[in-house]
PDB file of all heavy atoms in Angstrom:
ATOM      1  N   ARG A   1      11.345 -20.909  -1.785  1.00  0.00           N
ATOM      2  CA  ARG A   1      12.334 -20.011  -1.202  1.00  0.00           C
ATOM      3  C   ARG A   1      13.106 -20.690  -0.084  1.00  0.00           C
ATOM      4  O   ARG A   1      12.536 -21.423   0.714  1.00  0.00           O
ATOM      5  CB  ARG A   1      11.643 -18.758  -0.662  1.00  0.00           C
ATOM      6  CG  ARG A   1      11.033 -17.931  -1.764  1.00  0.00           C
ATOM      7  CD  ARG A   1      10.562 -16.627  -1.289  1.00  0.00           C
ATOM      8  NE  ARG A   1      11.678 -15.831  -0.765  1.00  0.00           N
ATOM      9  CZ  ARG A   1      11.530 -14.622  -0.253  1.00  0.00           C
ATOM     10  NH1 ARG A   1      10.337 -14.080  -0.197  1.00  0.00           N
ATOM     11  NH2 ARG A   1      12.561 -13.953   0.204  1.00  0.00           N
ATOM     12  N   ARG A   2      14.388 -20.406  -0.031  1.00  0.00           N
ATOM     13  CA  ARG A   2      15.212 -20.943   1.053  1.00  0.00           C
ATOM     14  C   ARG A   2      15.030 -20.122   2.329  1.00  0.00           C
ATOM     15  O   ARG A   2      14.887 -20.669   3.404  1.00  0.00           O
ATOM     16  CB  ARG A   2      16.674 -20.928   0.646  1.00  0.00           C
ATOM     17  CG  ARG A   2      16.993 -21.949  -0.391  1.00  0.00           C
ATOM     18  CD  ARG A   2      18.459 -21.989  -0.659  1.00  0.00           C
ATOM     19  NE  ARG A   2      18.715 -22.925  -1.734  1.00  0.00           N
ATOM     20  CZ  ARG A   2      19.748 -22.894  -2.512  1.00  0.00           C
ATOM     21  NH1 ARG A   2      20.665 -21.966  -2.350  1.00  0.00           N
ATOM     22  NH2 ARG A   2      19.893 -23.776  -3.469  1.00  0.00           N
ATOM     23  N   ASP A   3      15.073 -18.798   2.170  1.00  0.00           N
ATOM     24  CA  ASP A   3      14.939 -17.913   3.327  1.00  0.00           C
ATOM     25  C   ASP A   3      13.462 -17.654   3.584  1.00  0.00           C
ATOM     26  O   ASP A   3      12.799 -16.977   2.812  1.00  0.00           O
ATOM     27  CB  ASP A   3      15.665 -16.597   3.067  1.00  0.00           C
ATOM     28  CG  ASP A   3      15.531 -15.639   4.236  1.00  0.00           C
ATOM     29  OD1 ASP A   3      15.245 -16.095   5.360  1.00  0.00           O
ATOM     30  OD2 ASP A   3      15.703 -14.422   4.015  1.00  0.00           O
ATOM     31  N   GLN A   4      12.954 -18.205   4.662  1.00  0.00           N
ATOM     32  CA  GLN A   4      11.545 -18.033   5.009  1.00  0.00           C
ATOM     33  C   GLN A   4      11.385 -17.246   6.302  1.00  0.00           C
ATOM     34  O   GLN A   4      10.386 -17.380   7.000  1.00  0.00           O
ATOM     35  CB  GLN A   4      10.863 -19.393   5.118  1.00  0.00           C
ATOM     36  CG  GLN A   4      10.866 -20.145   3.820  1.00  0.00           C
ATOM     37  CD  GLN A   4       9.915 -21.323   3.828  1.00  0.00           C
ATOM     38  OE1 GLN A   4       9.231 -21.584   4.806  1.00  0.00           O
ATOM     39  NE2 GLN A   4       9.872 -22.022   2.727  1.00  0.00           N
ATOM     40  N   SER A   5      12.370 -16.398   6.588  1.00  0.00           N
ATOM     41  CA  SER A   5      12.351 -15.663   7.849  1.00  0.00           C
ATOM     42  C   SER A   5      11.209 -14.648   7.926  1.00  0.00           C
ATOM     43  O   SER A   5      10.743 -14.335   9.016  1.00  0.00           O
ATOM     44  CB  SER A   5      13.683 -14.952   8.067  1.00  0.00           C
ATOM     45  OG  SER A   5      13.920 -14.035   7.008  1.00  0.00           O
ATOM     46  N   ASP A   6      10.744 -14.135   6.778  1.00  0.00           N
ATOM     47  CA  ASP A   6       9.657 -13.153   6.817  1.00  0.00           C
ATOM     48  C   ASP A   6       8.313 -13.731   6.386  1.00  0.00           C
ATOM     49  O   ASP A   6       7.373 -12.998   6.109  1.00  0.00           O
ATOM     50  CB  ASP A   6      10.006 -11.922   5.982  1.00  0.00           C
ATOM     51  CG  ASP A   6      10.419 -12.256   4.566  1.00  0.00           C
ATOM     52  OD1 ASP A   6      10.695 -13.436   4.295  1.00  0.00           O
ATOM     53  OD2 ASP A   6      10.479 -11.338   3.741  1.00  0.00           O
ATOM     54  N   LYS A   7       8.210 -15.049   6.350  1.00  0.00           N
ATOM     55  CA  LYS A   7       6.921 -15.686   6.056  1.00  0.00           C
ATOM     56  C   LYS A   7       6.018 -15.570   7.270  1.00  0.00           C
ATOM     57  O   LYS A   7       6.448 -15.792   8.404  1.00  0.00           O
ATOM     58  CB  LYS A   7       7.105 -17.156   5.705  1.00  0.00           C
ATOM     59  CG  LYS A   7       5.795 -17.863   5.450  1.00  0.00           C
ATOM     60  CD  LYS A   7       5.979 -19.337   5.220  1.00  0.00           C
ATOM     61  CE  LYS A   7       4.622 -19.994   5.020  1.00  0.00           C
ATOM     62  NZ  LYS A   7       4.728 -21.440   5.033  1.00  0.00           N
ATOM     63  N   ARG A   8       4.776 -15.210   7.034  1.00  0.00           N
ATOM     64  CA  ARG A   8       3.808 -15.121   8.124  1.00  0.00           C
ATOM     65  C   ARG A   8       2.981 -16.402   8.165  1.00  0.00           C
ATOM     66  O   ARG A   8       2.442 -16.832   7.157  1.00  0.00           O
ATOM     67  CB  ARG A   8       2.891 -13.922   7.918  1.00  0.00           C
ATOM     68  CG  ARG A   8       3.620 -12.607   8.063  1.00  0.00           C
ATOM     69  CD  ARG A   8       2.756 -11.431   7.792  1.00  0.00           C
ATOM     70  NE  ARG A   8       1.641 -11.359   8.728  1.00  0.00           N
ATOM     71  CZ  ARG A   8       0.656 -10.473   8.619  1.00  0.00           C
ATOM     72  NH1 ARG A   8       0.653  -9.596   7.650  1.00  0.00           N
ATOM     73  NH2 ARG A   8      -0.319 -10.455   9.499  1.00  0.00           N
ATOM     74  N   ASP A   9       2.890 -17.000   9.342  1.00  0.00           N
ATOM     75  CA  ASP A   9       2.043 -18.172   9.535  1.00  0.00           C
ATOM     76  C   ASP A   9       0.730 -17.682  10.124  1.00  0.00           C
ATOM     77  O   ASP A   9       0.661 -17.313  11.291  1.00  0.00           O
ATOM     78  CB  ASP A   9       2.713 -19.189  10.464  1.00  0.00           C
ATOM     79  CG  ASP A   9       3.913 -19.847   9.822  1.00  0.00           C
ATOM     80  OD1 ASP A   9       3.836 -20.151   8.621  1.00  0.00           O
ATOM     81  OD2 ASP A   9       4.927 -20.036  10.513  1.00  0.00           O
ATOM     82  N   PHE A  10      -0.275 -17.681   9.301  1.00  0.00           N
ATOM     83  CA  PHE A  10      -1.575 -17.168   9.727  1.00  0.00           C
ATOM     84  C   PHE A  10      -2.332 -18.248  10.495  1.00  0.00           C
ATOM     85  O   PHE A  10      -2.498 -19.354   9.998  1.00  0.00           O
ATOM     86  CB  PHE A  10      -2.400 -16.717   8.518  1.00  0.00           C
ATOM     87  CG  PHE A  10      -1.799 -15.560   7.790  1.00  0.00           C
ATOM     88  CD1 PHE A  10      -1.088 -15.746   6.625  1.00  0.00           C
ATOM     89  CD2 PHE A  10      -1.948 -14.266   8.265  1.00  0.00           C
ATOM     90  CE1 PHE A  10      -0.535 -14.681   5.948  1.00  0.00           C
ATOM     91  CE2 PHE A  10      -1.398 -13.186   7.608  1.00  0.00           C
ATOM     92  CZ  PHE A  10      -0.687 -13.394   6.444  1.00  0.00           C
ATOM     93  N   LYS A  11      -2.775 -17.902  11.679  1.00  0.00           N
ATOM     94  CA  LYS A  11      -3.617 -18.812  12.457  1.00  0.00           C
ATOM     95  C   LYS A  11      -5.078 -18.628  12.083  1.00  0.00           C
ATOM     96  O   LYS A  11      -5.899 -19.494  12.326  1.00  0.00           O
ATOM     97  CB  LYS A  11      -3.418 -18.546  13.951  1.00  0.00           C
ATOM     98  CG  LYS A  11      -2.033 -18.883  14.439  1.00  0.00           C
ATOM     99  CD  LYS A  11      -1.855 -18.516  15.889  1.00  0.00           C
ATOM    100  CE  LYS A  11      -0.464 -18.780  16.381  1.00  0.00           C
ATOM    101  NZ  LYS A  11       0.560 -18.031  15.689  1.00  0.00           N
ATOM    102  N   ARG A  12      -5.358 -17.483  11.470  1.00  0.00           N
ATOM    103  CA  ARG A  12      -6.724 -17.161  11.090  1.00  0.00           C
ATOM    104  C   ARG A  12      -6.691 -16.073  10.019  1.00  0.00           C
ATOM    105  O   ARG A  12      -5.894 -15.162  10.065  1.00  0.00           O
ATOM    106  CB  ARG A  12      -7.470 -16.660  12.318  1.00  0.00           C
ATOM    107  CG  ARG A  12      -8.837 -16.132  12.048  1.00  0.00           C
ATOM    108  CD  ARG A  12      -9.303 -15.286  13.231  1.00  0.00           C
ATOM    109  NE  ARG A  12     -10.590 -14.744  12.936  1.00  0.00           N
ATOM    110  CZ  ARG A  12     -11.718 -15.156  13.482  1.00  0.00           C
ATOM    111  NH1 ARG A  12     -11.718 -16.104  14.366  1.00  0.00           N
ATOM    112  NH2 ARG A  12     -12.856 -14.614  13.147  1.00  0.00           N
ATOM    113  N   LEU A  13      -7.579 -16.187   9.059  1.00  0.00           N
ATOM    114  CA  LEU A  13      -7.764 -15.153   8.046  1.00  0.00           C
ATOM    115  C   LEU A  13      -9.252 -14.878   7.909  1.00  0.00           C
ATOM    116  O   LEU A  13     -10.064 -15.808   7.922  1.00  0.00           O
ATOM    117  CB  LEU A  13      -7.209 -15.587   6.686  1.00  0.00           C
ATOM    118  CG  LEU A  13      -5.709 -15.520   6.491  1.00  0.00           C
ATOM    119  CD1 LEU A  13      -5.320 -16.121   5.153  1.00  0.00           C
ATOM    120  CD2 LEU A  13      -5.206 -14.098   6.591  1.00  0.00           C
ATOM    121  N   ASP A  14      -9.604 -13.617   7.790  1.00  0.00           N
ATOM    122  CA  ASP A  14     -10.985 -13.228   7.548  1.00  0.00           C
ATOM    123  C   ASP A  14     -11.032 -12.425   6.258  1.00  0.00           C
ATOM    124  O   ASP A  14     -10.144 -11.613   6.001  1.00  0.00           O
ATOM    125  CB  ASP A  14     -11.525 -12.359   8.698  1.00  0.00           C
ATOM    126  CG  ASP A  14     -11.768 -13.172   9.943  1.00  0.00           C
ATOM    127  OD1 ASP A  14     -12.715 -13.973   9.927  1.00  0.00           O
ATOM    128  OD2 ASP A  14     -11.017 -13.008  10.924  1.00  0.00           O
ATOM    129  N   LEU A  15     -12.073 -12.648   5.475  1.00  0.00           N
ATOM    130  CA  LEU A  15     -12.281 -11.899   4.238  1.00  0.00           C
ATOM    131  C   LEU A  15     -13.457 -10.964   4.439  1.00  0.00           C
ATOM    132  O   LEU A  15     -14.516 -11.377   4.929  1.00  0.00           O
ATOM    133  CB  LEU A  15     -12.563 -12.869   3.078  1.00  0.00           C
ATOM    134  CG  LEU A  15     -12.707 -12.241   1.698  1.00  0.00           C
ATOM    135  CD1 LEU A  15     -11.403 -11.587   1.261  1.00  0.00           C
ATOM    136  CD2 LEU A  15     -13.123 -13.302   0.686  1.00  0.00           C
ATOM    137  N   TRP A  16     -13.270  -9.699   4.071  1.00  0.00           N
ATOM    138  CA  TRP A  16     -14.273  -8.654   4.267  1.00  0.00           C
ATOM    139  C   TRP A  16     -14.545  -7.956   2.951  1.00  0.00           C
ATOM    140  O   TRP A  16     -13.676  -7.878   2.084  1.00  0.00           O
ATOM    141  CB  TRP A  16     -13.772  -7.620   5.273  1.00  0.00           C
ATOM    142  CG  TRP A  16     -13.452  -8.178   6.609  1.00  0.00           C
ATOM    143  CD1 TRP A  16     -12.250  -8.676   7.030  1.00  0.00           C
ATOM    144  CD2 TRP A  16     -14.345  -8.326   7.708  1.00  0.00           C
ATOM    145  NE1 TRP A  16     -12.345  -9.114   8.327  1.00  0.00           N
ATOM    146  CE2 TRP A  16     -13.615  -8.899   8.768  1.00  0.00           C
ATOM    147  CE3 TRP A  16     -15.686  -8.006   7.900  1.00  0.00           C
ATOM    148  CZ2 TRP A  16     -14.179  -9.177   9.996  1.00  0.00           C
ATOM    149  CZ3 TRP A  16     -16.250  -8.271   9.135  1.00  0.00           C
ATOM    150  CH2 TRP A  16     -15.506  -8.852  10.164  1.00  0.00           C
ATOM    151  N   VAL A  17     -15.753  -7.441   2.823  1.00  0.00           N
ATOM    152  CA  VAL A  17     -16.099  -6.587   1.687  1.00  0.00           C
ATOM    153  C   VAL A  17     -16.622  -5.267   2.258  1.00  0.00           C
ATOM    154  O   VAL A  17     -17.311  -5.253   3.284  1.00  0.00           O
ATOM    155  CB  VAL A  17     -17.157  -7.234   0.753  1.00  0.00           C
ATOM    156  CG1 VAL A  17     -18.477  -7.468   1.463  1.00  0.00           C
ATOM    157  CG2 VAL A  17     -17.359  -6.405  -0.499  1.00  0.00           C
ATOM    158  N   VAL A  18     -16.256  -4.186   1.606  1.00  0.00           N
ATOM    159  CA  VAL A  18     -16.771  -2.870   1.956  1.00  0.00           C
ATOM    160  C   VAL A  18     -17.481  -2.338   0.719  1.00  0.00           C
ATOM    161  O   VAL A  18     -16.870  -2.199  -0.346  1.00  0.00           O
ATOM    162  CB  VAL A  18     -15.659  -1.898   2.391  1.00  0.00           C
ATOM    163  CG1 VAL A  18     -16.233  -0.515   2.668  1.00  0.00           C
ATOM    164  CG2 VAL A  18     -14.943  -2.430   3.615  1.00  0.00           C
ATOM    165  N   PHE A  19     -18.779  -2.096   0.857  1.00  0.00           N
ATOM    166  CA  PHE A  19     -19.564  -1.489  -0.218  1.00  0.00           C
ATOM    167  C   PHE A  19     -19.544   0.019  -0.015  1.00  0.00           C
ATOM    168  O   PHE A  19     -19.826   0.511   1.072  1.00  0.00           O
ATOM    169  CB  PHE A  19     -21.016  -1.983  -0.198  1.00  0.00           C
ATOM    170  CG  PHE A  19     -21.161  -3.425  -0.566  1.00  0.00           C
ATOM    171  CD1 PHE A  19     -21.414  -4.377   0.398  1.00  0.00           C
ATOM    172  CD2 PHE A  19     -21.041  -3.835  -1.884  1.00  0.00           C
ATOM    173  CE1 PHE A  19     -21.552  -5.712   0.069  1.00  0.00           C
ATOM    174  CE2 PHE A  19     -21.175  -5.157  -2.231  1.00  0.00           C
ATOM    175  CZ  PHE A  19     -21.432  -6.100  -1.256  1.00  0.00           C
ATOM    176  N   LEU A  20     -19.201   0.728  -1.051  1.00  0.00           N
ATOM    177  CA  LEU A  20     -19.188   2.187  -1.024  1.00  0.00           C
ATOM    178  C   LEU A  20     -20.247   2.690  -1.984  1.00  0.00           C
ATOM    179  O   LEU A  20     -20.376   2.174  -3.096  1.00  0.00           O
ATOM    180  CB  LEU A  20     -17.829   2.723  -1.473  1.00  0.00           C
ATOM    181  CG  LEU A  20     -16.622   2.280  -0.664  1.00  0.00           C
ATOM    182  CD1 LEU A  20     -15.343   2.658  -1.376  1.00  0.00           C
ATOM    183  CD2 LEU A  20     -16.674   2.892   0.708  1.00  0.00           C
ATOM    184  N   HIS A  21     -21.008   3.690  -1.561  1.00  0.00           N
ATOM    185  CA  HIS A  21     -21.958   4.304  -2.477  1.00  0.00           C
ATOM    186  C   HIS A  21     -22.146   5.763  -2.091  1.00  0.00           C
ATOM    187  O   HIS A  21     -22.080   6.136  -0.923  1.00  0.00           O
ATOM    188  CB  HIS A  21     -23.288   3.547  -2.535  1.00  0.00           C
ATOM    189  CG  HIS A  21     -23.992   3.448  -1.226  1.00  0.00           C
ATOM    190  ND1 HIS A  21     -23.667   2.508  -0.274  1.00  0.00           N
ATOM    191  CD2 HIS A  21     -25.004   4.171  -0.700  1.00  0.00           C
ATOM    192  CE1 HIS A  21     -24.455   2.651   0.769  1.00  0.00           C
ATOM    193  NE2 HIS A  21     -25.275   3.661   0.554  1.00  0.00           N
ATOM    194  N   TYR A  22     -22.345   6.561  -3.091  1.00  0.00           N
ATOM    195  CA  TYR A  22     -22.531   7.986  -2.882  1.00  0.00           C
ATOM    196  C   TYR A  22     -24.020   8.284  -2.906  1.00  0.00           C
ATOM    197  O   TYR A  22     -24.739   7.813  -3.774  1.00  0.00           O
ATOM    198  CB  TYR A  22     -21.830   8.790  -3.973  1.00  0.00           C
ATOM    199  CG  TYR A  22     -21.952  10.272  -3.757  1.00  0.00           C
ATOM    200  CD1 TYR A  22     -21.111  10.925  -2.871  1.00  0.00           C
ATOM    201  CD2 TYR A  22     -22.918  11.014  -4.408  1.00  0.00           C
ATOM    202  CE1 TYR A  22     -21.234  12.277  -2.643  1.00  0.00           C
ATOM    203  CE2 TYR A  22     -23.055  12.364  -4.190  1.00  0.00           C
ATOM    204  CZ  TYR A  22     -22.204  12.993  -3.311  1.00  0.00           C
ATOM    205  OH  TYR A  22     -22.327  14.329  -3.077  1.00  0.00           O
ATOM    206  N   GLU A  23     -24.458   9.058  -1.923  1.00  0.00           N
ATOM    207  CA  GLU A  23     -25.861   9.456  -1.868  1.00  0.00           C
ATOM    208  C   GLU A  23     -25.952  10.970  -1.959  1.00  0.00           C
ATOM    209  O   GLU A  23     -25.105  11.688  -1.434  1.00  0.00           O
ATOM    210  CB  GLU A  23     -26.503   8.966  -0.573  1.00  0.00           C
ATOM    211  CG  GLU A  23     -26.647   7.459  -0.523  1.00  0.00           C
ATOM    212  CD  GLU A  23     -27.347   6.992   0.740  1.00  0.00           C
ATOM    213  OE1 GLU A  23     -27.689   7.832   1.580  1.00  0.00           O
ATOM    214  OE2 GLU A  23     -27.530   5.777   0.864  1.00  0.00           O
ATOM    215  N   ASN A  24     -26.983  11.441  -2.624  1.00  0.00           N
ATOM    216  CA  ASN A  24     -27.167  12.876  -2.799  1.00  0.00           C
ATOM    217  C   ASN A  24     -27.575  13.581  -1.523  1.00  0.00           C
ATOM    218  O   ASN A  24     -27.443  14.785  -1.408  1.00  0.00           O
ATOM    219  CB  ASN A  24     -28.205  13.148  -3.886  1.00  0.00           C
ATOM    220  CG  ASN A  24     -27.668  12.804  -5.252  1.00  0.00           C
ATOM    221  OD1 ASN A  24     -26.469  12.907  -5.477  1.00  0.00           O
ATOM    222  ND2 ASN A  24     -28.533  12.376  -6.142  1.00  0.00           N
ATOM    223  N   GLY A  25     -28.099  12.872  -0.577  1.00  0.00           N
ATOM    224  CA  GLY A  25     -28.399  13.470   0.708  1.00  0.00           C
ATOM    225  C   GLY A  25     -29.844  13.847   0.908  1.00  0.00           C
ATOM    226  O   GLY A  25     -30.149  14.920   1.412  1.00  0.00           O
ATOM    227  N   ASP A  26     -30.763  12.987   0.526  1.00  0.00           N
ATOM    228  CA  ASP A  26     -32.180  13.249   0.749  1.00  0.00           C
ATOM    229  C   ASP A  26     -32.568  12.991   2.211  1.00  0.00           C
ATOM    230  O   ASP A  26     -33.662  13.336   2.622  1.00  0.00           O
ATOM    231  CB  ASP A  26     -33.036  12.359  -0.158  1.00  0.00           C
ATOM    232  CG  ASP A  26     -32.786  12.673  -1.622  1.00  0.00           C
ATOM    233  OD1 ASP A  26     -32.372  13.818  -1.915  1.00  0.00           O
ATOM    234  OD2 ASP A  26     -32.998  11.790  -2.462  1.00  0.00           O
ATOM    235  N   ASP A  27     -31.648  12.383   2.977  1.00  0.00           N
ATOM    236  CA  ASP A  27     -31.950  12.091   4.376  1.00  0.00           C
ATOM    237  C   ASP A  27     -31.277  13.124   5.294  1.00  0.00           C
ATOM    238  O   ASP A  27     -30.741  14.121   4.843  1.00  0.00           O
ATOM    239  CB  ASP A  27     -31.504  10.672   4.736  1.00  0.00           C
ATOM    240  CG  ASP A  27     -30.023  10.459   4.464  1.00  0.00           C
ATOM    241  OD1 ASP A  27     -29.352  11.414   4.030  1.00  0.00           O
ATOM    242  OD2 ASP A  27     -29.545   9.346   4.687  1.00  0.00           O
ATOM    243  N   ASP A  28     -31.290  12.868   6.587  1.00  0.00           N
ATOM    244  CA  ASP A  28     -30.746  13.803   7.569  1.00  0.00           C
ATOM    245  C   ASP A  28     -29.228  13.927   7.513  1.00  0.00           C
ATOM    246  O   ASP A  28     -28.671  14.938   7.928  1.00  0.00           O
ATOM    247  CB  ASP A  28     -31.148  13.379   8.988  1.00  0.00           C
ATOM    248  CG  ASP A  28     -32.650  13.485   9.193  1.00  0.00           C
ATOM    249  OD1 ASP A  28     -33.287  14.268   8.464  1.00  0.00           O
ATOM    250  OD2 ASP A  28     -33.185  12.783  10.075  1.00  0.00           O
ATOM    251  N   GLU A  29     -28.558  12.886   7.020  1.00  0.00           N
ATOM    252  CA  GLU A  29     -27.102  12.900   7.011  1.00  0.00           C
ATOM    253  C   GLU A  29     -26.527  13.805   5.925  1.00  0.00           C
ATOM    254  O   GLU A  29     -25.367  14.164   5.970  1.00  0.00           O
ATOM    255  CB  GLU A  29     -26.568  11.482   6.821  1.00  0.00           C
ATOM    256  CG  GLU A  29     -26.877  10.572   7.988  1.00  0.00           C
ATOM    257  CD  GLU A  29     -26.302   9.184   7.770  1.00  0.00           C
ATOM    258  OE1 GLU A  29     -25.216   9.068   7.188  1.00  0.00           O
ATOM    259  OE2 GLU A  29     -26.957   8.220   8.192  1.00  0.00           O
ATOM    260  N   GLY A  30     -27.296  14.130   4.925  1.00  0.00           N
ATOM    261  CA  GLY A  30     -26.803  14.975   3.846  1.00  0.00           C
ATOM    262  C   GLY A  30     -26.028  14.170   2.818  1.00  0.00           C
ATOM    263  O   GLY A  30     -25.906  12.952   2.923  1.00  0.00           O
ATOM    264  N   PRO A  31     -25.487  14.856   1.816  1.00  0.00           N
ATOM    265  CA  PRO A  31     -24.772  14.136   0.760  1.00  0.00           C
ATOM    266  C   PRO A  31     -23.446  13.589   1.277  1.00  0.00           C
ATOM    267  O   PRO A  31     -22.844  14.144   2.182  1.00  0.00           O
ATOM    268  CB  PRO A  31     -24.545  15.211  -0.304  1.00  0.00           C
ATOM    269  CG  PRO A  31     -24.568  16.493   0.438  1.00  0.00           C
ATOM    270  CD  PRO A  31     -25.507  16.293   1.585  1.00  0.00           C
ATOM    271  N   GLY A  32     -23.020  12.503   0.695  1.00  0.00           N
ATOM    272  CA  GLY A  32     -21.725  11.963   1.091  1.00  0.00           C
ATOM    273  C   GLY A  32     -21.559  10.502   0.734  1.00  0.00           C
ATOM    274  O   GLY A  32     -22.438   9.862   0.175  1.00  0.00           O
ATOM    275  N   LEU A  33     -20.383  10.008   1.069  1.00  0.00           N
ATOM    276  CA  LEU A  33     -20.009   8.629   0.809  1.00  0.00           C
ATOM    277  C   LEU A  33     -20.468   7.757   1.966  1.00  0.00           C
ATOM    278  O   LEU A  33     -20.191   8.047   3.129  1.00  0.00           O
ATOM    279  CB  LEU A  33     -18.491   8.541   0.652  1.00  0.00           C
ATOM    280  CG  LEU A  33     -17.918   7.212   0.234  1.00  0.00           C
ATOM    281  CD1 LEU A  33     -18.345   6.884  -1.193  1.00  0.00           C
ATOM    282  CD2 LEU A  33     -16.405   7.250   0.319  1.00  0.00           C
ATOM    283  N   ARG A  34     -21.194   6.706   1.661  1.00  0.00           N
ATOM    284  CA  ARG A  34     -21.664   5.764   2.675  1.00  0.00           C
ATOM    285  C   ARG A  34     -20.918   4.444   2.484  1.00  0.00           C
ATOM    286  O   ARG A  34     -20.542   4.088   1.377  1.00  0.00           O
ATOM    287  CB  ARG A  34     -23.164   5.492   2.530  1.00  0.00           C
ATOM    288  CG  ARG A  34     -24.025   6.719   2.463  1.00  0.00           C
ATOM    289  CD  ARG A  34     -24.147   7.403   3.822  1.00  0.00           C
ATOM    290  NE  ARG A  34     -25.144   8.442   3.769  1.00  0.00           N
ATOM    291  CZ  ARG A  34     -24.872   9.735   3.612  1.00  0.00           C
ATOM    292  NH1 ARG A  34     -23.638  10.134   3.495  1.00  0.00           N
ATOM    293  NH2 ARG A  34     -25.837  10.637   3.576  1.00  0.00           N
ATOM    294  N   ARG A  35     -20.713   3.738   3.575  1.00  0.00           N
ATOM    295  CA  ARG A  35     -20.005   2.457   3.484  1.00  0.00           C
ATOM    296  C   ARG A  35     -20.675   1.426   4.382  1.00  0.00           C
ATOM    297  O   ARG A  35     -21.208   1.762   5.438  1.00  0.00           O
ATOM    298  CB  ARG A  35     -18.545   2.629   3.854  1.00  0.00           C
ATOM    299  CG  ARG A  35     -18.329   3.134   5.245  1.00  0.00           C
ATOM    300  CD  ARG A  35     -16.870   3.507   5.487  1.00  0.00           C
ATOM    301  NE  ARG A  35     -16.724   4.143   6.763  1.00  0.00           N
ATOM    302  CZ  ARG A  35     -16.869   5.434   6.979  1.00  0.00           C
ATOM    303  NH1 ARG A  35     -17.146   6.215   5.969  1.00  0.00           N
ATOM    304  NH2 ARG A  35     -16.744   5.947   8.171  1.00  0.00           N
ATOM    305  N   GLU A  36     -20.617   0.185   3.911  1.00  0.00           N
ATOM    306  CA  GLU A  36     -21.147  -0.953   4.674  1.00  0.00           C
ATOM    307  C   GLU A  36     -20.099  -2.051   4.634  1.00  0.00           C
ATOM    308  O   GLU A  36     -19.644  -2.425   3.560  1.00  0.00           O
ATOM    309  CB  GLU A  36     -22.425  -1.495   4.035  1.00  0.00           C
ATOM    310  CG  GLU A  36     -23.566  -0.543   3.932  1.00  0.00           C
ATOM    311  CD  GLU A  36     -24.706  -1.149   3.118  1.00  0.00           C
ATOM    312  OE1 GLU A  36     -24.809  -2.389   3.055  1.00  0.00           O
ATOM    313  OE2 GLU A  36     -25.460  -0.370   2.537  1.00  0.00           O
ATOM    314  N   ARG A  37     -19.741  -2.590   5.790  1.00  0.00           N
ATOM    315  CA  ARG A  37     -18.796  -3.692   5.866  1.00  0.00           C
ATOM    316  C   ARG A  37     -19.536  -4.987   6.132  1.00  0.00           C
ATOM    317  O   ARG A  37     -20.442  -5.017   6.958  1.00  0.00           O
ATOM    318  CB  ARG A  37     -17.789  -3.472   6.992  1.00  0.00           C
ATOM    319  CG  ARG A  37     -16.621  -2.619   6.595  1.00  0.00           C
ATOM    320  CD  ARG A  37     -15.686  -2.519   7.739  1.00  0.00           C
ATOM    321  NE  ARG A  37     -16.281  -1.594   8.694  1.00  0.00           N
ATOM    322  CZ  ARG A  37     -15.631  -1.025   9.674  1.00  0.00           C
ATOM    323  NH1 ARG A  37     -14.386  -1.281   9.856  1.00  0.00           N
ATOM    324  NH2 ARG A  37     -16.234  -0.198  10.496  1.00  0.00           N
ATOM    325  N   HIS A  38     -19.118  -6.043   5.437  1.00  0.00           N
ATOM    326  CA  HIS A  38     -19.718  -7.367   5.637  1.00  0.00           C
ATOM    327  C   HIS A  38     -18.616  -8.413   5.675  1.00  0.00           C
ATOM    328  O   HIS A  38     -17.652  -8.343   4.923  1.00  0.00           O
ATOM    329  CB  HIS A  38     -20.701  -7.702   4.512  1.00  0.00           C
ATOM    330  CG  HIS A  38     -21.859  -6.769   4.436  1.00  0.00           C
ATOM    331  ND1 HIS A  38     -22.960  -6.897   5.248  1.00  0.00           N
ATOM    332  CD2 HIS A  38     -22.083  -5.690   3.657  1.00  0.00           C
ATOM    333  CE1 HIS A  38     -23.818  -5.935   4.962  1.00  0.00           C
ATOM    334  NE2 HIS A  38     -23.305  -5.188   4.004  1.00  0.00           N
ATOM    335  N   HIS A  39     -18.806  -9.391   6.523  1.00  0.00           N
ATOM    336  CA  HIS A  39     -17.878 -10.508   6.647  1.00  0.00           C
ATOM    337  C   HIS A  39     -18.225 -11.544   5.589  1.00  0.00           C
ATOM    338  O   HIS A  39     -19.381 -11.937   5.453  1.00  0.00           O
ATOM    339  CB  HIS A  39     -17.997 -11.103   8.059  1.00  0.00           C
ATOM    340  CG  HIS A  39     -17.009 -12.159   8.336  1.00  0.00           C
ATOM    341  ND1 HIS A  39     -17.340 -13.477   8.394  1.00  0.00           N
ATOM    342  CD2 HIS A  39     -15.677 -12.086   8.573  1.00  0.00           C
ATOM    343  CE1 HIS A  39     -16.265 -14.183   8.661  1.00  0.00           C
ATOM    344  NE2 HIS A  39     -15.242 -13.369   8.771  1.00  0.00           N
TER     345      HIS A  39
END
């Protein structure tokens, strides 16, 4: 591309994963969607 005015120069990038799982609620929190983030 000739026009690079909207190119972002990243000084750092991080990759993340979010695990989602549904639980029926046998614990104190009750039923619902749970999530865990990991780098």
